[in-house]
Amino acid sequence: MSITQHVLHRKVQMNWNQLVGAISQPYSEFLQNKK
């Protein structure tokens, strides 16, 4: 794997984690409120 691919992969990974976090935060609150 080239350095460029490695950096790109890390960036995608971080963006993915932020995306999952941004989605799961309101979703978990929504589940809490349903109870």
N, C-alpha and C. Protein backbone atom coordinates (compact mmCIF):
# COMPACT_ATOMS: atom_id res chain seq x y z
N MET A 1 0.86 -1.20 0.00
CA MET A 1 0.00 0.00 0.00
C MET A 1 0.89 1.24 0.00
N SER A 2 0.59 2.15 -0.92
CA SER A 2 1.40 3.37 -0.99
C SER A 2 1.01 4.32 0.14
N ILE A 3 1.86 5.30 0.38
CA ILE A 3 1.61 6.26 1.47
C ILE A 3 0.32 7.03 1.21
N THR A 4 0.11 7.41 -0.06
CA THR A 4 -1.10 8.17 -0.40
C THR A 4 -2.34 7.37 -0.08
N GLN A 5 -2.35 6.09 -0.46
CA GLN A 5 -3.49 5.22 -0.17
C GLN A 5 -3.68 5.08 1.33
N HIS A 6 -2.58 4.98 2.05
CA HIS A 6 -2.65 4.81 3.50
C HIS A 6 -3.30 6.03 4.15
N VAL A 7 -2.85 7.22 3.76
CA VAL A 7 -3.40 8.46 4.31
C VAL A 7 -4.89 8.57 3.95
N LEU A 8 -5.20 8.24 2.71
CA LEU A 8 -6.59 8.31 2.24
C LEU A 8 -7.45 7.36 3.05
N HIS A 9 -6.94 6.17 3.30
CA HIS A 9 -7.68 5.18 4.08
C HIS A 9 -7.93 5.68 5.50
N ARG A 10 -6.92 6.29 6.09
CA ARG A 10 -7.06 6.81 7.46
C ARG A 10 -8.12 7.92 7.49
N LYS A 11 -8.10 8.77 6.47
CA LYS A 11 -9.08 9.87 6.40
C LYS A 11 -10.49 9.31 6.28
N VAL A 12 -10.66 8.33 5.42
CA VAL A 12 -11.97 7.70 5.26
C VAL A 12 -12.41 7.07 6.56
N GLN A 13 -11.47 6.42 7.25
CA GLN A 13 -11.77 5.76 8.52
C GLN A 13 -12.27 6.78 9.54
N MET A 14 -11.57 7.91 9.64
CA MET A 14 -11.96 8.95 10.60
C MET A 14 -13.33 9.52 10.23
N ASN A 15 -13.53 9.80 8.94
CA ASN A 15 -14.81 10.33 8.49
C ASN A 15 -15.93 9.35 8.78
N TRP A 16 -15.65 8.06 8.57
CA TRP A 16 -16.63 7.01 8.82
C TRP A 16 -17.00 6.99 10.30
N ASN A 17 -15.98 7.06 11.17
CA ASN A 17 -16.23 7.07 12.62
C ASN A 17 -17.07 8.28 13.02
N GLN A 18 -16.77 9.45 12.45
CA GLN A 18 -17.55 10.65 12.75
C GLN A 18 -18.98 10.48 12.27
N LEU A 19 -19.13 9.89 11.08
CA LEU A 19 -20.46 9.69 10.52
C LEU A 19 -21.28 8.75 11.40
N VAL A 20 -20.68 7.63 11.79
CA VAL A 20 -21.35 6.68 12.66
C VAL A 20 -21.71 7.33 13.99
N GLY A 21 -20.78 8.11 14.53
CA GLY A 21 -21.04 8.80 15.79
C GLY A 21 -22.19 9.79 15.66
N ALA A 22 -22.20 10.52 14.55
CA ALA A 22 -23.24 11.53 14.34
C ALA A 22 -24.60 10.88 14.17
N ILE A 23 -24.63 9.67 13.61
CA ILE A 23 -25.90 8.97 13.41
C ILE A 23 -26.34 8.27 14.70
N SER A 24 -25.42 7.62 15.37
CA SER A 24 -25.78 6.79 16.53
C SER A 24 -26.16 7.64 17.74
N GLN A 25 -25.64 8.86 17.82
CA GLN A 25 -25.96 9.72 18.97
C GLN A 25 -27.46 10.01 19.05
N PRO A 26 -28.07 10.63 18.03
CA PRO A 26 -29.52 10.89 18.10
C PRO A 26 -30.32 9.60 18.12
N TYR A 27 -29.82 8.57 17.45
CA TYR A 27 -30.54 7.31 17.39
C TYR A 27 -30.66 6.68 18.78
N SER A 28 -29.58 6.70 19.53
CA SER A 28 -29.62 6.12 20.88
C SER A 28 -30.52 6.95 21.78
N GLU A 29 -30.49 8.28 21.61
CA GLU A 29 -31.38 9.15 22.38
C GLU A 29 -32.84 8.85 22.03
N PHE A 30 -33.09 8.62 20.76
CA PHE A 30 -34.43 8.29 20.28
C PHE A 30 -34.91 6.99 20.93
N LEU A 31 -34.02 6.01 21.00
CA LEU A 31 -34.38 4.74 21.63
C LEU A 31 -34.65 4.92 23.11
N GLN A 32 -33.87 5.79 23.75
CA GLN A 32 -34.07 6.06 25.18
C GLN A 32 -35.45 6.70 25.40
N ASN A 33 -35.81 7.62 24.54
CA ASN A 33 -37.08 8.33 24.69
C ASN A 33 -38.29 7.44 24.43
N LYS A 34 -38.09 6.40 23.61
CA LYS A 34 -39.21 5.50 23.28
C LYS A 34 -39.67 4.69 24.48
N LYS A 35 -38.75 4.43 25.40
CA LYS A 35 -39.08 3.56 26.53
C LYS A 35 -40.11 4.22 27.45
